[in-house]
PDB file of all heavy atoms in Angstrom:
ATOM      1  N   TRP A   1     126.790  54.821 139.955  1.00  0.00           N
ATOM      2  CA  TRP A   1     126.265  54.926 138.596  1.00  0.00           C
ATOM      3  C   TRP A   1     127.208  54.333 137.547  1.00  0.00           C
ATOM      4  O   TRP A   1     126.953  54.441 136.356  1.00  0.00           O
ATOM      5  CB  TRP A   1     125.979  56.381 138.262  1.00  0.00           C
ATOM      6  CG  TRP A   1     124.787  56.948 138.971  1.00  0.00           C
ATOM      7  CD1 TRP A   1     123.766  56.264 139.577  1.00  0.00           C
ATOM      8  CD2 TRP A   1     124.479  58.333 139.119  1.00  0.00           C
ATOM      9  NE1 TRP A   1     122.850  57.134 140.088  1.00  0.00           N
ATOM     10  CE2 TRP A   1     123.254  58.418 139.830  1.00  0.00           C
ATOM     11  CE3 TRP A   1     125.099  59.516 138.735  1.00  0.00           C
ATOM     12  CZ2 TRP A   1     122.645  59.625 140.150  1.00  0.00           C
ATOM     13  CZ3 TRP A   1     124.502  60.717 139.054  1.00  0.00           C
ATOM     14  CH2 TRP A   1     123.291  60.770 139.755  1.00  0.00           C
ATOM     15  N   GLN A   2     128.315  53.764 137.980  1.00  0.00           N
ATOM     16  CA  GLN A   2     129.321  53.183 137.083  1.00  0.00           C
ATOM     17  C   GLN A   2     129.820  54.207 136.054  1.00  0.00           C
ATOM     18  O   GLN A   2     129.849  53.971 134.859  1.00  0.00           O
ATOM     19  CB  GLN A   2     128.776  51.927 136.410  1.00  0.00           C
ATOM     20  CG  GLN A   2     128.423  50.851 137.412  1.00  0.00           C
ATOM     21  CD  GLN A   2     127.857  49.600 136.768  1.00  0.00           C
ATOM     22  OE1 GLN A   2     127.648  49.535 135.560  1.00  0.00           O
ATOM     23  NE2 GLN A   2     127.618  48.604 137.592  1.00  0.00           N
ATOM     24  N   LEU A   3     130.203  55.370 136.601  1.00  0.00           N
ATOM     25  CA  LEU A   3     130.759  56.455 135.812  1.00  0.00           C
ATOM     26  C   LEU A   3     132.115  56.843 136.399  1.00  0.00           C
ATOM     27  O   LEU A   3     132.496  56.379 137.461  1.00  0.00           O
ATOM     28  CB  LEU A   3     129.837  57.680 135.860  1.00  0.00           C
ATOM     29  CG  LEU A   3     128.441  57.525 135.277  1.00  0.00           C
ATOM     30  CD1 LEU A   3     127.572  58.726 135.634  1.00  0.00           C
ATOM     31  CD2 LEU A   3     128.520  57.360 133.768  1.00  0.00           C
ATOM     32  N   GLU A   4     132.799  57.733 135.739  1.00  0.00           N
ATOM     33  CA  GLU A   4     134.048  58.285 136.259  1.00  0.00           C
ATOM     34  C   GLU A   4     133.732  59.539 137.076  1.00  0.00           C
ATOM     35  O   GLU A   4     132.779  60.254 136.776  1.00  0.00           O
ATOM     36  CB  GLU A   4     134.992  58.658 135.110  1.00  0.00           C
ATOM     37  CG  GLU A   4     135.454  57.475 134.286  1.00  0.00           C
ATOM     38  CD  GLU A   4     136.367  56.538 135.067  1.00  0.00           C
ATOM     39  OE1 GLU A   4     137.223  57.029 135.827  1.00  0.00           O
ATOM     40  OE2 GLU A   4     136.197  55.311 134.912  1.00  0.00           O
ATOM     41  N   SER A   5     134.563  59.800 138.082  1.00  0.00           N
ATOM     42  CA  SER A   5     134.443  61.061 138.815  1.00  0.00           C
ATOM     43  C   SER A   5     135.648  61.929 138.475  1.00  0.00           C
ATOM     44  O   SER A   5     136.700  61.430 138.083  1.00  0.00           O
ATOM     45  CB  SER A   5     134.344  60.824 140.322  1.00  0.00           C
ATOM     46  OG  SER A   5     135.561  60.341 140.827  1.00  0.00           O
ATOM     47  N   ARG A   6     135.445  63.224 138.631  1.00  0.00           N
ATOM     48  CA  ARG A   6     136.514  64.190 138.334  1.00  0.00           C
ATOM     49  C   ARG A   6     136.377  65.346 139.298  1.00  0.00           C
ATOM     50  O   ARG A   6     135.263  65.724 139.666  1.00  0.00           O
ATOM     51  CB  ARG A   6     136.368  64.661 136.894  1.00  0.00           C
ATOM     52  CG  ARG A   6     137.465  65.595 136.413  1.00  0.00           C
ATOM     53  CD  ARG A   6     137.373  65.721 134.918  1.00  0.00           C
ATOM     54  NE  ARG A   6     138.316  66.678 134.370  1.00  0.00           N
ATOM     55  CZ  ARG A   6     138.488  66.861 133.073  1.00  0.00           C
ATOM     56  NH1 ARG A   6     137.784  66.163 132.205  1.00  0.00           N
ATOM     57  NH2 ARG A   6     139.368  67.743 132.640  1.00  0.00           N
ATOM     58  N   ASP A   7     137.503  65.913 139.699  1.00  0.00           N
ATOM     59  CA  ASP A   7     137.538  67.022 140.643  1.00  0.00           C
ATOM     60  C   ASP A   7     138.367  68.133 140.023  1.00  0.00           C
ATOM     61  O   ASP A   7     139.528  67.922 139.649  1.00  0.00           O
ATOM     62  CB  ASP A   7     138.170  66.533 141.947  1.00  0.00           C
ATOM     63  CG  ASP A   7     138.173  67.566 143.042  1.00  0.00           C
ATOM     64  OD1 ASP A   7     138.482  68.738 142.762  1.00  0.00           O
ATOM     65  OD2 ASP A   7     137.891  67.204 144.182  1.00  0.00           O
ATOM     66  N   THR A   8     137.800  69.329 139.909  1.00  0.00           N
ATOM     67  CA  THR A   8     138.531  70.417 139.259  1.00  0.00           C
ATOM     68  C   THR A   8     139.731  70.884 140.070  1.00  0.00           C
ATOM     69  O   THR A   8     140.689  71.397 139.489  1.00  0.00           O
ATOM     70  CB  THR A   8     137.608  71.610 138.925  1.00  0.00           C
ATOM     71  OG1 THR A   8     136.999  72.098 140.121  1.00  0.00           O
ATOM     72  CG2 THR A   8     136.552  71.208 137.900  1.00  0.00           C
ATOM     73  N   ASP A   9     139.723  70.697 141.391  1.00  0.00           N
ATOM     74  CA  ASP A   9     140.924  71.034 142.170  1.00  0.00           C
ATOM     75  C   ASP A   9     142.089  70.134 141.751  1.00  0.00           C
ATOM     76  O   ASP A   9     143.231  70.596 141.644  1.00  0.00           O
ATOM     77  CB  ASP A   9     140.678  70.905 143.672  1.00  0.00           C
ATOM     78  CG  ASP A   9     139.989  72.127 144.272  1.00  0.00           C
ATOM     79  OD1 ASP A   9     139.884  73.170 143.586  1.00  0.00           O
ATOM     80  OD2 ASP A   9     139.566  72.041 145.441  1.00  0.00           O
ATOM     81  N   THR A  10     141.817  68.869 141.497  1.00  0.00           N
ATOM     82  CA  THR A  10     142.853  67.949 141.024  1.00  0.00           C
ATOM     83  C   THR A  10     143.334  68.379 139.645  1.00  0.00           C
ATOM     84  O   THR A  10     144.547  68.335 139.362  1.00  0.00           O
ATOM     85  CB  THR A  10     142.318  66.505 140.989  1.00  0.00           C
ATOM     86  OG1 THR A  10     141.902  66.139 142.311  1.00  0.00           O
ATOM     87  CG2 THR A  10     143.371  65.525 140.504  1.00  0.00           C
ATOM     88  N   ASP A  11     142.412  68.811 138.798  1.00  0.00           N
ATOM     89  CA  ASP A  11     142.799  69.302 137.468  1.00  0.00           C
ATOM     90  C   ASP A  11     143.710  70.524 137.581  1.00  0.00           C
ATOM     91  O   ASP A  11     144.688  70.648 136.829  1.00  0.00           O
ATOM     92  CB  ASP A  11     141.561  69.657 136.640  1.00  0.00           C
ATOM     93  CG  ASP A  11     140.731  68.435 136.252  1.00  0.00           C
ATOM     94  OD1 ASP A  11     141.191  67.290 136.431  1.00  0.00           O
ATOM     95  OD2 ASP A  11     139.597  68.647 135.771  1.00  0.00           O
ATOM     96  N   VAL A  12     143.402  71.421 138.512  1.00  0.00           N
ATOM     97  CA  VAL A  12     144.239  72.604 138.732  1.00  0.00           C
ATOM     98  C   VAL A  12     145.630  72.175 139.205  1.00  0.00           C
ATOM     99  O   VAL A  12     146.646  72.692 138.717  1.00  0.00           O
ATOM    100  CB  VAL A  12     143.585  73.580 139.738  1.00  0.00           C
ATOM    101  CG1 VAL A  12     144.574  74.635 140.214  1.00  0.00           C
ATOM    102  CG2 VAL A  12     142.353  74.233 139.124  1.00  0.00           C
ATOM    103  N   GLU A  13     145.677  71.245 140.140  1.00  0.00           N
ATOM    104  CA  GLU A  13     146.973  70.769 140.643  1.00  0.00           C
ATOM    105  C   GLU A  13     147.800  70.137 139.532  1.00  0.00           C
ATOM    106  O   GLU A  13     149.013  70.361 139.454  1.00  0.00           O
ATOM    107  CB  GLU A  13     146.758  69.772 141.789  1.00  0.00           C
ATOM    108  CG  GLU A  13     146.251  70.438 143.045  1.00  0.00           C
ATOM    109  CD  GLU A  13     145.976  69.481 144.188  1.00  0.00           C
ATOM    110  OE1 GLU A  13     145.836  68.261 143.960  1.00  0.00           O
ATOM    111  OE2 GLU A  13     145.893  69.971 145.329  1.00  0.00           O
ATOM    112  N   THR A  14     147.158  69.389 138.666  1.00  0.00           N
ATOM    113  CA  THR A  14     147.860  68.771 137.540  1.00  0.00           C
ATOM    114  C   THR A  14     148.399  69.841 136.600  1.00  0.00           C
ATOM    115  O   THR A  14     149.560  69.791 136.181  1.00  0.00           O
ATOM    116  CB  THR A  14     146.919  67.804 136.787  1.00  0.00           C
ATOM    117  OG1 THR A  14     146.497  66.786 137.696  1.00  0.00           O
ATOM    118  CG2 THR A  14     147.602  67.182 135.591  1.00  0.00           C
ATOM    119  N   ALA A  15     147.586  70.818 136.285  1.00  0.00           N
ATOM    120  CA  ALA A  15     148.010  71.892 135.377  1.00  0.00           C
ATOM    121  C   ALA A  15     149.146  72.725 135.968  1.00  0.00           C
ATOM    122  O   ALA A  15     150.078  73.104 135.265  1.00  0.00           O
ATOM    123  CB  ALA A  15     146.825  72.795 135.038  1.00  0.00           C
ATOM    124  N   ALA A  16     149.061  72.991 137.276  1.00  0.00           N
ATOM    125  CA  ALA A  16     150.060  73.833 137.938  1.00  0.00           C
ATOM    126  C   ALA A  16     151.305  73.060 138.354  1.00  0.00           C
ATOM    127  O   ALA A  16     152.358  73.655 138.590  1.00  0.00           O
ATOM    128  CB  ALA A  16     149.447  74.506 139.163  1.00  0.00           C
ATOM    129  N   GLY A  17     151.184  71.759 138.488  1.00  0.00           N
ATOM    130  CA  GLY A  17     152.302  70.945 138.949  1.00  0.00           C
ATOM    131  C   GLY A  17     152.585  71.112 140.430  1.00  0.00           C
ATOM    132  O   GLY A  17     153.700  70.863 140.890  1.00  0.00           O
ATOM    133  N   LYS A  18     151.568  71.546 141.176  1.00  0.00           N
ATOM    134  CA  LYS A  18     151.708  71.725 142.621  1.00  0.00           C
ATOM    135  C   LYS A  18     150.337  71.754 143.268  1.00  0.00           C
ATOM    136  O   LYS A  18     149.316  71.838 142.576  1.00  0.00           O
ATOM    137  CB  LYS A  18     152.500  72.977 142.960  1.00  0.00           C
ATOM    138  CG  LYS A  18     152.018  74.256 142.315  1.00  0.00           C
ATOM    139  CD  LYS A  18     152.986  75.412 142.572  1.00  0.00           C
ATOM    140  CE  LYS A  18     152.904  76.473 141.505  1.00  0.00           C
ATOM    141  NZ  LYS A  18     153.913  77.500 141.683  1.00  0.00           N
ATOM    142  N   SER A  19     150.314  71.698 144.582  1.00  0.00           N
ATOM    143  CA  SER A  19     149.050  71.663 145.314  1.00  0.00           C
ATOM    144  C   SER A  19     148.312  72.993 145.212  1.00  0.00           C
ATOM    145  O   SER A  19     148.912  74.041 144.933  1.00  0.00           O
ATOM    146  CB  SER A  19     149.306  71.341 146.790  1.00  0.00           C
ATOM    147  OG  SER A  19     149.909  72.457 147.423  1.00  0.00           O
ATOM    148  N   VAL A  20     147.001  72.924 145.456  1.00  0.00           N
ATOM    149  CA  VAL A  20     146.192  74.147 145.477  1.00  0.00           C
ATOM    150  C   VAL A  20     146.765  75.129 146.493  1.00  0.00           C
ATOM    151  O   VAL A  20     146.901  76.321 146.211  1.00  0.00           O
ATOM    152  CB  VAL A  20     144.713  73.812 145.792  1.00  0.00           C
ATOM    153  CG1 VAL A  20     143.932  75.069 146.149  1.00  0.00           C
ATOM    154  CG2 VAL A  20     144.067  73.091 144.620  1.00  0.00           C
ATOM    155  N   ALA A  21     147.123  74.632 147.677  1.00  0.00           N
ATOM    156  CA  ALA A  21     147.687  75.507 148.712  1.00  0.00           C
ATOM    157  C   ALA A  21     148.953  76.194 148.218  1.00  0.00           C
ATOM    158  O   ALA A  21     149.146  77.396 148.451  1.00  0.00           O
ATOM    159  CB  ALA A  21     147.966  74.718 149.985  1.00  0.00           C
ATOM    160  N   ASP A  22     149.816  75.450 147.516  1.00  0.00           N
ATOM    161  CA  ASP A  22     151.043  76.046 146.992  1.00  0.00           C
ATOM    162  C   ASP A  22     150.755  77.073 145.897  1.00  0.00           C
ATOM    163  O   ASP A  22     151.447  78.090 145.804  1.00  0.00           O
ATOM    164  CB  ASP A  22     151.997  74.972 146.472  1.00  0.00           C
ATOM    165  CG  ASP A  22     152.675  74.193 147.591  1.00  0.00           C
ATOM    166  OD1 ASP A  22     152.613  74.640 148.765  1.00  0.00           O
ATOM    167  OD2 ASP A  22     153.253  73.124 147.297  1.00  0.00           O
ATOM    168  N   VAL A  23     149.760  76.811 145.063  1.00  0.00           N
ATOM    169  CA  VAL A  23     149.389  77.789 144.037  1.00  0.00           C
ATOM    170  C   VAL A  23     148.961  79.088 144.713  1.00  0.00           C
ATOM    171  O   VAL A  23     149.392  80.176 144.320  1.00  0.00           O
ATOM    172  CB  VAL A  23     148.271  77.259 143.111  1.00  0.00           C
ATOM    173  CG1 VAL A  23     147.792  78.359 142.162  1.00  0.00           C
ATOM    174  CG2 VAL A  23     148.738  76.051 142.318  1.00  0.00           C
ATOM    175  N   PHE A  24     148.132  78.987 145.759  1.00  0.00           N
ATOM    176  CA  PHE A  24     147.687  80.176 146.484  1.00  0.00           C
ATOM    177  C   PHE A  24     148.871  80.944 147.056  1.00  0.00           C
ATOM    178  O   PHE A  24     148.968  82.162 146.886  1.00  0.00           O
ATOM    179  CB  PHE A  24     146.743  79.784 147.629  1.00  0.00           C
ATOM    180  CG  PHE A  24     145.290  79.904 147.287  1.00  0.00           C
ATOM    181  CD1 PHE A  24     144.634  78.880 146.630  1.00  0.00           C
ATOM    182  CD2 PHE A  24     144.577  81.035 147.626  1.00  0.00           C
ATOM    183  CE1 PHE A  24     143.297  78.979 146.319  1.00  0.00           C
ATOM    184  CE2 PHE A  24     143.233  81.146 147.320  1.00  0.00           C
ATOM    185  CZ  PHE A  24     142.584  80.116 146.659  1.00  0.00           C
ATOM    186  N   VAL A  25     149.769  80.235 147.731  1.00  0.00           N
ATOM    187  CA  VAL A  25     150.885  80.885 148.419  1.00  0.00           C
ATOM    188  C   VAL A  25     151.906  81.437 147.427  1.00  0.00           C
ATOM    189  O   VAL A  25     152.364  82.568 147.557  1.00  0.00           O
ATOM    190  CB  VAL A  25     151.561  79.901 149.405  1.00  0.00           C
ATOM    191  CG1 VAL A  25     152.861  80.470 149.956  1.00  0.00           C
ATOM    192  CG2 VAL A  25     150.607  79.560 150.540  1.00  0.00           C
ATOM    193  N   GLU A  26     152.273  80.640 146.436  1.00  0.00           N
ATOM    194  CA  GLU A  26     153.355  81.012 145.532  1.00  0.00           C
ATOM    195  C   GLU A  26     152.909  81.907 144.380  1.00  0.00           C
ATOM    196  O   GLU A  26     153.680  82.751 143.913  1.00  0.00           O
ATOM    197  CB  GLU A  26     154.019  79.747 144.970  1.00  0.00           C
ATOM    198  CG  GLU A  26     154.694  78.915 146.057  1.00  0.00           C
ATOM    199  CD  GLU A  26     155.153  77.552 145.568  1.00  0.00           C
ATOM    200  OE1 GLU A  26     155.211  77.335 144.329  1.00  0.00           O
ATOM    201  OE2 GLU A  26     155.460  76.702 146.426  1.00  0.00           O
ATOM    202  N   ASP A  27     151.687  81.708 143.895  1.00  0.00           N
ATOM    203  CA  ASP A  27     151.237  82.412 142.695  1.00  0.00           C
ATOM    204  C   ASP A  27     150.083  83.381 142.949  1.00  0.00           C
ATOM    205  O   ASP A  27     149.774  84.209 142.098  1.00  0.00           O
ATOM    206  CB  ASP A  27     150.810  81.410 141.620  1.00  0.00           C
ATOM    207  CG  ASP A  27     151.907  80.403 141.302  1.00  0.00           C
ATOM    208  OD1 ASP A  27     153.092  80.798 141.216  1.00  0.00           O
ATOM    209  OD2 ASP A  27     151.584  79.211 141.148  1.00  0.00           O
ATOM    210  N   GLY A  28     149.404  83.231 144.084  1.00  0.00           N
ATOM    211  CA  GLY A  28     148.306  84.110 144.450  1.00  0.00           C
ATOM    212  C   GLY A  28     146.944  83.583 144.026  1.00  0.00           C
ATOM    213  O   GLY A  28     146.827  82.759 143.112  1.00  0.00           O
ATOM    214  N   GLU A  29     145.930  84.085 144.714  1.00  0.00           N
ATOM    215  CA  GLU A  29     144.570  83.643 144.429  1.00  0.00           C
ATOM    216  C   GLU A  29     144.118  83.964 143.010  1.00  0.00           C
ATOM    217  O   GLU A  29     143.472  83.125 142.363  1.00  0.00           O
ATOM    218  CB  GLU A  29     143.574  84.213 145.439  1.00  0.00           C
ATOM    219  CG  GLU A  29     142.174  83.676 145.231  1.00  0.00           C
ATOM    220  CD  GLU A  29     141.168  84.142 146.269  1.00  0.00           C
ATOM    221  OE1 GLU A  29     141.533  84.870 147.217  1.00  0.00           O
ATOM    222  OE2 GLU A  29     139.993  83.762 146.111  1.00  0.00           O
ATOM    223  N   PRO A  30     144.442  85.157 142.443  1.00  0.00           N
ATOM    224  CA  PRO A  30     143.997  85.430 141.069  1.00  0.00           C
ATOM    225  C   PRO A  30     144.504  84.379 140.061  1.00  0.00           C
ATOM    226  O   PRO A  30     143.761  83.962 139.170  1.00  0.00           O
ATOM    227  CB  PRO A  30     144.559  86.819 140.761  1.00  0.00           C
ATOM    228  CG  PRO A  30     144.667  87.469 142.112  1.00  0.00           C
ATOM    229  CD  PRO A  30     145.062  86.348 143.043  1.00  0.00           C
ATOM    230  N   HIS A  31     145.752  83.946 140.234  1.00  0.00           N
ATOM    231  CA  HIS A  31     146.301  82.918 139.336  1.00  0.00           C
ATOM    232  C   HIS A  31     145.552  81.601 139.532  1.00  0.00           C
ATOM    233  O   HIS A  31     145.199  80.921 138.557  1.00  0.00           O
ATOM    234  CB  HIS A  31     147.800  82.734 139.585  1.00  0.00           C
ATOM    235  CG  HIS A  31     148.428  81.711 138.685  1.00  0.00           C
ATOM    236  ND1 HIS A  31     148.593  81.915 137.338  1.00  0.00           N
ATOM    237  CD2 HIS A  31     148.892  80.464 138.940  1.00  0.00           C
ATOM    238  CE1 HIS A  31     149.143  80.848 136.803  1.00  0.00           C
ATOM    239  NE2 HIS A  31     149.334  79.951 137.751  1.00  0.00           N
ATOM    240  N   PHE A  32     145.307  81.253 140.797  1.00  0.00           N
ATOM    241  CA  PHE A  32     144.556  80.027 141.072  1.00  0.00           C
ATOM    242  C   PHE A  32     143.182  80.096 140.421  1.00  0.00           C
ATOM    243  O   PHE A  32     142.723  79.145 139.781  1.00  0.00           O
ATOM    244  CB  PHE A  32     144.408  79.771 142.577  1.00  0.00           C
ATOM    245  CG  PHE A  32     143.421  78.677 142.868  1.00  0.00           C
ATOM    246  CD1 PHE A  32     143.762  77.346 142.696  1.00  0.00           C
ATOM    247  CD2 PHE A  32     142.126  78.982 143.266  1.00  0.00           C
ATOM    248  CE1 PHE A  32     142.847  76.328 142.923  1.00  0.00           C
ATOM    249  CE2 PHE A  32     141.198  77.979 143.500  1.00  0.00           C
ATOM    250  CZ  PHE A  32     141.558  76.649 143.326  1.00  0.00           C
ATOM    251  N   ARG A  33     142.485  81.211 140.576  1.00  0.00           N
ATOM    252  CA  ARG A  33     141.127  81.345 140.032  1.00  0.00           C
ATOM    253  C   ARG A  33     141.130  81.252 138.501  1.00  0.00           C
ATOM    254  O   ARG A  33     140.195  80.704 137.909  1.00  0.00           O
ATOM    255  CB  ARG A  33     140.466  82.641 140.496  1.00  0.00           C
ATOM    256  CG  ARG A  33     140.217  82.703 141.987  1.00  0.00           C
ATOM    257  CD  ARG A  33     139.250  81.649 142.480  1.00  0.00           C
ATOM    258  NE  ARG A  33     139.119  81.687 143.934  1.00  0.00           N
ATOM    259  CZ  ARG A  33     138.675  80.695 144.661  1.00  0.00           C
ATOM    260  NH1 ARG A  33     138.298  79.564 144.105  1.00  0.00           N
ATOM    261  NH2 ARG A  33     138.600  80.808 145.970  1.00  0.00           N
ATOM    262  N   ALA A  34     142.173  81.757 137.860  1.00  0.00           N
ATOM    263  CA  ALA A  34     142.271  81.635 136.400  1.00  0.00           C
ATOM    264  C   ALA A  34     142.439  80.173 136.000  1.00  0.00           C
ATOM    265  O   ALA A  34     141.795  79.696 135.048  1.00  0.00           O
ATOM    266  CB  ALA A  34     143.426  82.481 135.871  1.00  0.00           C
ATOM    267  N   LEU A  35     143.306  79.457 136.716  1.00  0.00           N
ATOM    268  CA  LEU A  35     143.479  78.023 136.447  1.00  0.00           C
ATOM    269  C   LEU A  35     142.169  77.271 136.702  1.00  0.00           C
ATOM    270  O   LEU A  35     141.789  76.376 135.937  1.00  0.00           O
ATOM    271  CB  LEU A  35     144.591  77.441 137.325  1.00  0.00           C
ATOM    272  CG  LEU A  35     146.017  77.888 137.042  1.00  0.00           C
ATOM    273  CD1 LEU A  35     146.962  77.365 138.122  1.00  0.00           C
ATOM    274  CD2 LEU A  35     146.456  77.429 135.663  1.00  0.00           C
ATOM    275  N   GLU A  36     141.485  77.642 137.768  1.00  0.00           N
ATOM    276  CA  GLU A  36     140.228  76.988 138.130  1.00  0.00           C
ATOM    277  C   GLU A  36     139.166  77.230 137.058  1.00  0.00           C
ATOM    278  O   GLU A  36     138.435  76.306 136.672  1.00  0.00           O
ATOM    279  CB  GLU A  36     139.763  77.512 139.486  1.00  0.00           C
ATOM    280  CG  GLU A  36     138.480  76.894 139.992  1.00  0.00           C
ATOM    281  CD  GLU A  36     138.133  77.424 141.368  1.00  0.00           C
ATOM    282  OE1 GLU A  36     138.009  78.662 141.537  1.00  0.00           O
ATOM    283  OE2 GLU A  36     137.976  76.595 142.277  1.00  0.00           O
ATOM    284  N   ARG A  37     139.065  78.457 136.572  1.00  0.00           N
ATOM    285  CA  ARG A  37     138.089  78.807 135.532  1.00  0.00           C
ATOM    286  C   ARG A  37     138.301  77.929 134.295  1.00  0.00           C
ATOM    287  O   ARG A  37     137.351  77.376 133.731  1.00  0.00           O
ATOM    288  CB  ARG A  37     138.221  80.287 135.171  1.00  0.00           C
ATOM    289  CG  ARG A  37     137.234  80.796 134.160  1.00  0.00           C
ATOM    290  CD  ARG A  37     137.414  82.304 133.852  1.00  0.00           C
ATOM    291  NE  ARG A  37     137.627  83.100 135.039  1.00  0.00           N
ATOM    292  CZ  ARG A  37     138.796  83.686 135.381  1.00  0.00           C
ATOM    293  NH1 ARG A  37     139.851  83.550 134.597  1.00  0.00           N
ATOM    294  NH2 ARG A  37     138.899  84.399 136.478  1.00  0.00           N
ATOM    295  N   THR A  38     139.553  77.770 133.903  1.00  0.00           N
ATOM    296  CA  THR A  38     139.885  76.931 132.751  1.00  0.00           C
ATOM    297  C   THR A  38     139.546  75.470 133.030  1.00  0.00           C
ATOM    298  O   THR A  38     138.984  74.783 132.165  1.00  0.00           O
ATOM    299  CB  THR A  38     141.380  77.079 132.398  1.00  0.00           C
ATOM    300  OG1 THR A  38     141.629  78.450 132.066  1.00  0.00           O
ATOM    301  CG2 THR A  38     141.781  76.188 131.244  1.00  0.00           C
ATOM    302  N   ALA A  39     139.870  75.005 134.237  1.00  0.00           N
ATOM    303  CA  ALA A  39     139.596  73.610 134.601  1.00  0.00           C
ATOM    304  C   ALA A  39     138.102  73.314 134.568  1.00  0.00           C
ATOM    305  O   ALA A  39     137.676  72.264 134.067  1.00  0.00           O
ATOM    306  CB  ALA A  39     140.172  73.297 135.984  1.00  0.00           C
ATOM    307  N   VAL A  40     137.303  74.230 135.076  1.00  0.00           N
ATOM    308  CA  VAL A  40     135.844  74.030 135.089  1.00  0.00           C
ATOM    309  C   VAL A  40     135.307  74.020 133.661  1.00  0.00           C
ATOM    310  O   VAL A  40     134.522  73.132 133.291  1.00  0.00           O
ATOM    311  CB  VAL A  40     135.134  75.104 135.945  1.00  0.00           C
ATOM    312  CG1 VAL A  40     133.628  75.022 135.765  1.00  0.00           C
ATOM    313  CG2 VAL A  40     135.505  74.957 137.409  1.00  0.00           C
TER     314      VAL A  40
END
């Protein structure tokens, strides 16, 4: 469609400065879900 694509997991990783897996392990799922909610 000649548009841009975006992925909220990538947005979360950018905001957190680390991978989704690292956010889960180091900060916990509740923190990840808060970042995800904001990203969406």
